[in-house]
Structure formats: structure tokens, C-alpha cells
Amino acid sequence: SKDLKGAMEILIEQKRQKLSTVEKLDEHMDFASQLIFAQNRGDLTAENVNQCVLEMMIAAPDTLSVTLFFMLILIAEHPTVEEEMMREIETVMGKQELQS
């Protein structure tokens, strides 16, 4: 747990340093950036920021996998939607090989 918290603090500090050097903030505004700016304003503590980022890292894979599972089930149950999706993928990708 201490190792994970320490790693999270390092990542947040790296993000903080990156934000201080970018020219256009709007291109780098994500949830972690918003948390860092909230801390800078005094709305959050460093511990609050660390905890939020840690929870995102831990919770995201579970929610993503469940969401993808149900999405794939729904696509399989609706073959016409699957066909439309495949046509759109082919239109966008052309002859390019799909990658993950």
C-alpha cells in the first residue's frame, strides 16, 4: 500500500511539472489536471488528490471490463448494429490493419 501511494505521488508530481511547462493548458486538461489545480487553489489537499487518482487507477479496470462485456453482449444480440459498425470501421480504416 505504501509503495502504491509512493508511486502515485511520483506520478502526480510528474504531471504537476508537465502542467507547469506546457504552453496550451487546454490540450492537457484532464481529471488529474483538474485535481491538481483544485489543490493549487486550496480546494483539495495533497492527500485528497492522491486518493482520487489512486481510486481512479484501481476502479477503472473493473468498470471498463464490465462495460465492455455488456457492450459486446448487446452488439451480439443486434446483428444489424454489428454490421453497421463494421461498415463504419471499414470506411474509416480503409485498408489499414486494425490495432488495439
Protein backbone atom coordinates (compact mmCIF):
# COMPACT_ATOMS: atom_id res chain seq x y z
CA SER A 1 0.00 0.00 0.00
CA LYS A 2 2.84 2.40 0.85
CA ASP A 3 4.60 1.50 -2.42
CA LEU A 4 1.44 2.23 -4.39
CA LYS A 5 0.90 5.56 -2.61
CA GLY A 6 4.52 6.49 -3.21
CA ALA A 7 4.26 5.64 -6.90
CA MET A 8 1.07 7.69 -7.13
CA GLU A 9 2.77 10.69 -5.53
CA ILE A 10 5.61 10.44 -8.06
CA LEU A 11 3.15 10.30 -10.99
CA ILE A 12 1.19 13.27 -9.68
CA GLU A 13 4.39 15.28 -9.22
CA GLN A 14 5.43 14.44 -12.79
CA LYS A 15 2.02 15.61 -14.02
CA ARG A 16 2.33 18.79 -11.95
CA GLN A 17 5.74 19.54 -13.51
CA LYS A 18 4.42 18.87 -17.01
CA LEU A 19 1.50 21.25 -16.43
CA SER A 20 3.89 23.98 -15.33
CA THR A 21 5.82 23.80 -18.61
CA VAL A 22 3.09 23.44 -21.26
CA GLU A 23 2.17 26.35 -23.48
CA LYS A 24 -1.50 25.48 -24.04
CA LEU A 25 -3.20 24.18 -20.92
CA ASP A 26 -6.44 23.29 -22.69
CA GLU A 27 -4.68 20.45 -24.54
CA HIS A 28 -3.59 18.90 -21.24
CA MET A 29 -6.72 19.35 -19.13
CA ASP A 30 -7.88 16.02 -17.82
CA PHE A 31 -9.27 14.86 -14.50
CA ALA A 32 -5.85 14.64 -12.84
CA SER A 33 -5.05 18.17 -14.01
CA GLN A 34 -8.31 19.46 -12.57
CA LEU A 35 -7.47 17.83 -9.24
CA ILE A 36 -4.01 19.41 -9.22
CA PHE A 37 -5.45 22.85 -9.94
CA ALA A 38 -8.05 22.35 -7.21
CA GLN A 39 -5.19 21.64 -4.81
CA ASN A 40 -3.35 24.77 -6.01
CA ARG A 41 -6.48 26.83 -5.26
CA GLY A 42 -6.71 25.30 -1.81
CA ASP A 43 -9.93 23.38 -2.54
CA LEU A 44 -8.23 19.99 -2.01
CA THR A 45 -5.30 18.71 -0.01
CA ALA A 46 -2.42 16.73 -1.49
CA GLU A 47 -3.86 13.65 0.24
CA ASN A 48 -7.25 14.27 -1.44
CA VAL A 49 -5.59 14.44 -4.86
CA ASN A 50 -3.52 11.30 -4.22
CA GLN A 51 -6.58 9.38 -3.03
CA CYS A 52 -8.71 10.40 -6.03
CA VAL A 53 -6.03 9.42 -8.54
CA LEU A 54 -5.40 6.14 -6.71
CA GLU A 55 -9.11 5.29 -6.75
CA MET A 56 -9.29 6.06 -10.48
CA MET A 57 -6.36 3.73 -11.15
CA ILE A 58 -7.85 0.91 -9.07
CA ALA A 59 -11.52 1.22 -10.03
CA ALA A 60 -11.23 1.97 -13.75
CA PRO A 61 -10.19 -1.51 -14.96
CA ASP A 62 -13.19 -3.17 -13.25
CA THR A 63 -15.78 -0.74 -14.55
CA LEU A 64 -14.23 -0.75 -18.01
CA SER A 65 -14.23 -4.54 -18.28
CA VAL A 66 -17.86 -4.82 -17.15
CA THR A 67 -18.93 -2.07 -19.57
CA LEU A 68 -17.10 -3.69 -22.48
CA PHE A 69 -18.60 -7.08 -21.63
CA PHE A 70 -22.17 -5.74 -21.74
CA MET A 71 -21.44 -3.73 -24.88
CA LEU A 72 -20.22 -6.87 -26.66
CA ILE A 73 -23.28 -8.84 -25.48
CA LEU A 74 -25.60 -6.12 -26.83
CA ILE A 75 -23.76 -6.00 -30.16
CA ALA A 76 -24.00 -9.80 -30.46
CA GLU A 77 -27.76 -9.60 -29.81
CA HIS A 78 -28.24 -6.99 -32.55
CA PRO A 79 -26.58 -8.21 -35.77
CA THR A 80 -27.76 -5.24 -37.85
CA VAL A 81 -25.98 -2.87 -35.46
CA GLU A 82 -22.86 -5.03 -35.69
CA GLU A 83 -22.99 -4.85 -39.49
CA GLU A 84 -23.34 -1.04 -39.39
CA MET A 85 -20.40 -0.81 -37.00
CA MET A 86 -18.24 -2.98 -39.25
CA ARG A 87 -19.12 -0.84 -42.29
CA GLU A 88 -18.17 2.32 -40.39
CA ILE A 89 -14.88 0.78 -39.24
CA GLU A 90 -14.09 -0.23 -42.82
CA THR A 91 -14.99 3.27 -44.06
CA VAL A 92 -12.75 4.97 -41.52
CA MET A 93 -9.87 2.49 -41.56
CA GLY A 94 -9.88 1.59 -45.24
CA LYS A 95 -7.17 -0.97 -45.92
CA GLN A 96 -5.29 -0.20 -42.69
CA GLU A 97 -4.90 -3.05 -40.27
CA LEU A 98 -6.84 -2.69 -37.01
CA GLN A 99 -4.81 -2.31 -33.84
CA SER A 100 -5.83 -2.46 -30.20
